[in-house]
Amino acid sequence: MGRKILLISVLVAIMAFGGLNIYISRTKQISLKIPQTSQIQYGPQVQTMIPPVEASQLTSVDSPDGKLTLTLKTVKNKNGITYTFSVSGREVFVKTVDLSTLISVPANTWSPNGKYVF
């Protein structure tokens, strides 16, 4: 008796998911029709090209008399970081380093008389 209930429970569960059709004839014979699995066709795969990311940052410090400005432009990409130093728009130094090296401009960059940068 327990085996019949288990079998009926399994068949009902399979039917609930649409994977099995059961036909019972008048002679109490059970006929099972199991649908064949169909192949699933997927659309074409789309690959997107992501351009290398470049991040840019500007840092500026004015000279004590306010006549000159030291600007540090930092450009970071996948290969490294390029630092460009300019004084009032005139490029004075460019350096490309690996991603683990950091260069910054401190607040006391200018000499007190405004003639030199640190």
C-alpha atoms as a PDB file:
ATOM      1  CA  MET A   1       0.000   0.000   0.000  1.00  0.00           C
ATOM      2  CA  GLY A   2       2.801   2.399   0.898  1.00  0.00           C
ATOM      3  CA  ARG A   3       4.592   1.701  -2.385  1.00  0.00           C
ATOM      4  CA  LYS A   4       1.479   2.575  -4.423  1.00  0.00           C
ATOM      5  CA  ILE A   5       1.051   5.872  -2.580  1.00  0.00           C
ATOM      6  CA  LEU A   6       4.694   6.759  -3.151  1.00  0.00           C
ATOM      7  CA  LEU A   7       4.437   5.905  -6.847  1.00  0.00           C
ATOM      8  CA  ILE A   8       1.246   7.950  -7.238  1.00  0.00           C
ATOM      9  CA  SER A   9       2.846  10.880  -5.376  1.00  0.00           C
ATOM     10  CA  VAL A  10       5.881  10.825  -7.658  1.00  0.00           C
ATOM     11  CA  LEU A  11       3.707  10.640 -10.773  1.00  0.00           C
ATOM     12  CA  VAL A  12       1.522  13.530  -9.582  1.00  0.00           C
ATOM     13  CA  ALA A  13       4.605  15.617  -8.872  1.00  0.00           C
ATOM     14  CA  ILE A  14       6.015  14.937 -12.327  1.00  0.00           C
ATOM     15  CA  MET A  15       2.665  15.780 -13.910  1.00  0.00           C
ATOM     16  CA  ALA A  16       2.536  19.057 -11.993  1.00  0.00           C
ATOM     17  CA  PHE A  17       5.730  20.154 -13.720  1.00  0.00           C
ATOM     18  CA  GLY A  18       4.373  19.189 -17.149  1.00  0.00           C
ATOM     19  CA  GLY A  19       6.996  16.570 -17.836  1.00  0.00           C
ATOM     20  CA  LEU A  20       4.740  13.517 -18.034  1.00  0.00           C
ATOM     21  CA  ASN A  21       1.340  12.663 -19.488  1.00  0.00           C
ATOM     22  CA  ILE A  22      -0.525   9.715 -17.995  1.00  0.00           C
ATOM     23  CA  TYR A  23      -3.338   7.837 -19.704  1.00  0.00           C
ATOM     24  CA  ILE A  24      -5.434   5.294 -17.812  1.00  0.00           C
ATOM     25  CA  SER A  25      -7.523   2.932 -19.910  1.00  0.00           C
ATOM     26  CA  ARG A  26     -10.714   1.168 -18.830  1.00  0.00           C
ATOM     27  CA  THR A  27      -8.721  -2.004 -18.235  1.00  0.00           C
ATOM     28  CA  LYS A  28      -6.789  -0.143 -15.512  1.00  0.00           C
ATOM     29  CA  GLN A  29      -3.561  -0.209 -17.427  1.00  0.00           C
ATOM     30  CA  ILE A  30      -1.441   2.878 -17.098  1.00  0.00           C
ATOM     31  CA  SER A  31       0.235   4.241 -20.187  1.00  0.00           C
ATOM     32  CA  LEU A  32       2.974   6.794 -19.749  1.00  0.00           C
ATOM     33  CA  LYS A  33       3.888   9.236 -22.467  1.00  0.00           C
ATOM     34  CA  ILE A  34       7.134  11.010 -21.761  1.00  0.00           C
ATOM     35  CA  PRO A  35       7.745  13.976 -24.034  1.00  0.00           C
ATOM     36  CA  GLN A  36      11.109  14.165 -25.739  1.00  0.00           C
ATOM     37  CA  THR A  37      13.322  16.950 -24.647  1.00  0.00           C
ATOM     38  CA  SER A  38      13.649  19.679 -27.185  1.00  0.00           C
ATOM     39  CA  GLN A  39      16.862  21.473 -27.872  1.00  0.00           C
ATOM     40  CA  ILE A  40      17.058  24.993 -26.618  1.00  0.00           C
ATOM     41  CA  GLN A  41      18.392  27.432 -29.134  1.00  0.00           C
ATOM     42  CA  TYR A  42      20.147  30.476 -27.850  1.00  0.00           C
ATOM     43  CA  GLY A  43      20.631  33.702 -29.747  1.00  0.00           C
ATOM     44  CA  PRO A  44      24.055  34.912 -30.846  1.00  0.00           C
ATOM     45  CA  GLN A  45      26.459  35.777 -28.084  1.00  0.00           C
ATOM     46  CA  VAL A  46      27.245  39.450 -27.854  1.00  0.00           C
ATOM     47  CA  GLN A  47      30.665  40.562 -26.718  1.00  0.00           C
ATOM     48  CA  THR A  48      31.212  44.152 -25.776  1.00  0.00           C
ATOM     49  CA  MET A  49      34.542  45.851 -25.974  1.00  0.00           C
ATOM     50  CA  ILE A  50      35.281  48.032 -22.972  1.00  0.00           C
ATOM     51  CA  PRO A  51      37.856  50.705 -23.685  1.00  0.00           C
ATOM     52  CA  PRO A  52      40.699  51.101 -21.213  1.00  0.00           C
ATOM     53  CA  VAL A  53      39.707  53.379 -18.376  1.00  0.00           C
ATOM     54  CA  GLU A  54      41.658  56.557 -17.903  1.00  0.00           C
ATOM     55  CA  ALA A  55      41.133  58.591 -14.770  1.00  0.00           C
ATOM     56  CA  SER A  56      42.406  62.138 -14.647  1.00  0.00           C
ATOM     57  CA  GLN A  57      42.889  64.424 -11.653  1.00  0.00           C
ATOM     58  CA  LEU A  58      44.202  67.977 -11.236  1.00  0.00           C
ATOM     59  CA  THR A  59      45.835  69.415  -8.110  1.00  0.00           C
ATOM     60  CA  SER A  60      46.904  73.070  -7.940  1.00  0.00           C
ATOM     61  CA  VAL A  61      48.857  75.127  -5.394  1.00  0.00           C
ATOM     62  CA  ASP A  62      49.328  78.888  -5.747  1.00  0.00           C
ATOM     63  CA  SER A  63      52.602  80.617  -4.933  1.00  0.00           C
ATOM     64  CA  PRO A  64      52.637  82.786  -1.776  1.00  0.00           C
ATOM     65  CA  ASP A  65      52.270  86.000  -3.817  1.00  0.00           C
ATOM     66  CA  GLY A  66      49.527  84.441  -6.002  1.00  0.00           C
ATOM     67  CA  LYS A  67      51.352  85.129  -9.277  1.00  0.00           C
ATOM     68  CA  LEU A  68      52.185  81.518 -10.169  1.00  0.00           C
ATOM     69  CA  THR A  69      50.324  78.221  -9.890  1.00  0.00           C
ATOM     70  CA  LEU A  70      51.866  74.748  -9.730  1.00  0.00           C
ATOM     71  CA  THR A  71      49.501  72.188 -11.255  1.00  0.00           C
ATOM     72  CA  LEU A  72      49.855  68.412 -11.032  1.00  0.00           C
ATOM     73  CA  LYS A  73      47.851  66.467 -13.606  1.00  0.00           C
ATOM     74  CA  THR A  74      47.534  62.761 -12.839  1.00  0.00           C
ATOM     75  CA  VAL A  75      46.383  60.375 -15.582  1.00  0.00           C
ATOM     76  CA  LYS A  76      45.860  56.763 -14.518  1.00  0.00           C
ATOM     77  CA  ASN A  77      45.345  53.913 -17.013  1.00  0.00           C
ATOM     78  CA  LYS A  78      45.865  50.147 -16.995  1.00  0.00           C
ATOM     79  CA  ASN A  79      49.620  50.471 -17.692  1.00  0.00           C
ATOM     80  CA  GLY A  80      50.580  53.056 -15.088  1.00  0.00           C
ATOM     81  CA  ILE A  81      50.218  56.629 -13.887  1.00  0.00           C
ATOM     82  CA  THR A  82      51.518  59.669 -15.757  1.00  0.00           C
ATOM     83  CA  TYR A  83      52.248  62.749 -13.659  1.00  0.00           C
ATOM     84  CA  THR A  84      52.584  66.099 -15.434  1.00  0.00           C
ATOM     85  CA  PHE A  85      53.769  69.166 -13.512  1.00  0.00           C
ATOM     86  CA  SER A  86      53.089  72.632 -14.914  1.00  0.00           C
ATOM     87  CA  VAL A  87      53.780  76.125 -13.613  1.00  0.00           C
ATOM     88  CA  SER A  88      51.160  78.599 -14.797  1.00  0.00           C
ATOM     89  CA  GLY A  89      50.427  76.483 -17.886  1.00  0.00           C
ATOM     90  CA  ARG A  90      54.060  75.766 -18.800  1.00  0.00           C
ATOM     91  CA  GLU A  91      54.953  72.071 -18.545  1.00  0.00           C
ATOM     92  CA  VAL A  92      58.074  71.553 -16.434  1.00  0.00           C
ATOM     93  CA  PHE A  93      58.180  67.815 -15.660  1.00  0.00           C
ATOM     94  CA  VAL A  94      56.505  64.581 -16.863  1.00  0.00           C
ATOM     95  CA  LYS A  95      56.976  61.159 -15.296  1.00  0.00           C
ATOM     96  CA  THR A  96      55.214  57.822 -15.938  1.00  0.00           C
ATOM     97  CA  VAL A  97      55.416  55.288 -13.117  1.00  0.00           C
ATOM     98  CA  ASP A  98      53.831  51.927 -12.268  1.00  0.00           C
ATOM     99  CA  LEU A  99      50.480  51.770 -10.469  1.00  0.00           C
ATOM    100  CA  SER A 100      52.055  51.258  -7.034  1.00  0.00           C
ATOM    101  CA  THR A 101      53.992  54.566  -7.097  1.00  0.00           C
ATOM    102  CA  LEU A 102      52.202  57.717  -5.935  1.00  0.00           C
ATOM    103  CA  ILE A 103      53.378  61.314  -6.325  1.00  0.00           C
ATOM    104  CA  SER A 104      51.564  64.211  -4.666  1.00  0.00           C
ATOM    105  CA  VAL A 105      51.899  67.948  -4.207  1.00  0.00           C
ATOM    106  CA  PRO A 106      52.159  69.033  -0.565  1.00  0.00           C
ATOM    107  CA  ALA A 107      50.573  72.249   0.666  1.00  0.00           C
ATOM    108  CA  ASN A 108      54.017  73.793   1.339  1.00  0.00           C
ATOM    109  CA  THR A 109      55.160  73.237  -2.249  1.00  0.00           C
ATOM    110  CA  TRP A 110      56.383  76.800  -2.781  1.00  0.00           C
ATOM    111  CA  SER A 111      59.365  78.402  -1.085  1.00  0.00           C
ATOM    112  CA  PRO A 112      58.406  81.399   1.076  1.00  0.00           C
ATOM    113  CA  ASN A 113      59.660  83.827  -1.583  1.00  0.00           C
ATOM    114  CA  GLY A 114      57.714  81.984  -4.371  1.00  0.00           C
ATOM    115  CA  LYS A 115      60.781  81.308  -6.525  1.00  0.00           C
ATOM    116  CA  TYR A 116      61.176  77.563  -5.977  1.00  0.00           C
ATOM    117  CA  VAL A 117      58.918  74.537  -5.817  1.00  0.00           C
ATOM    118  CA  PHE A 118      59.463  71.408  -3.743  1.00  0.00           C
END
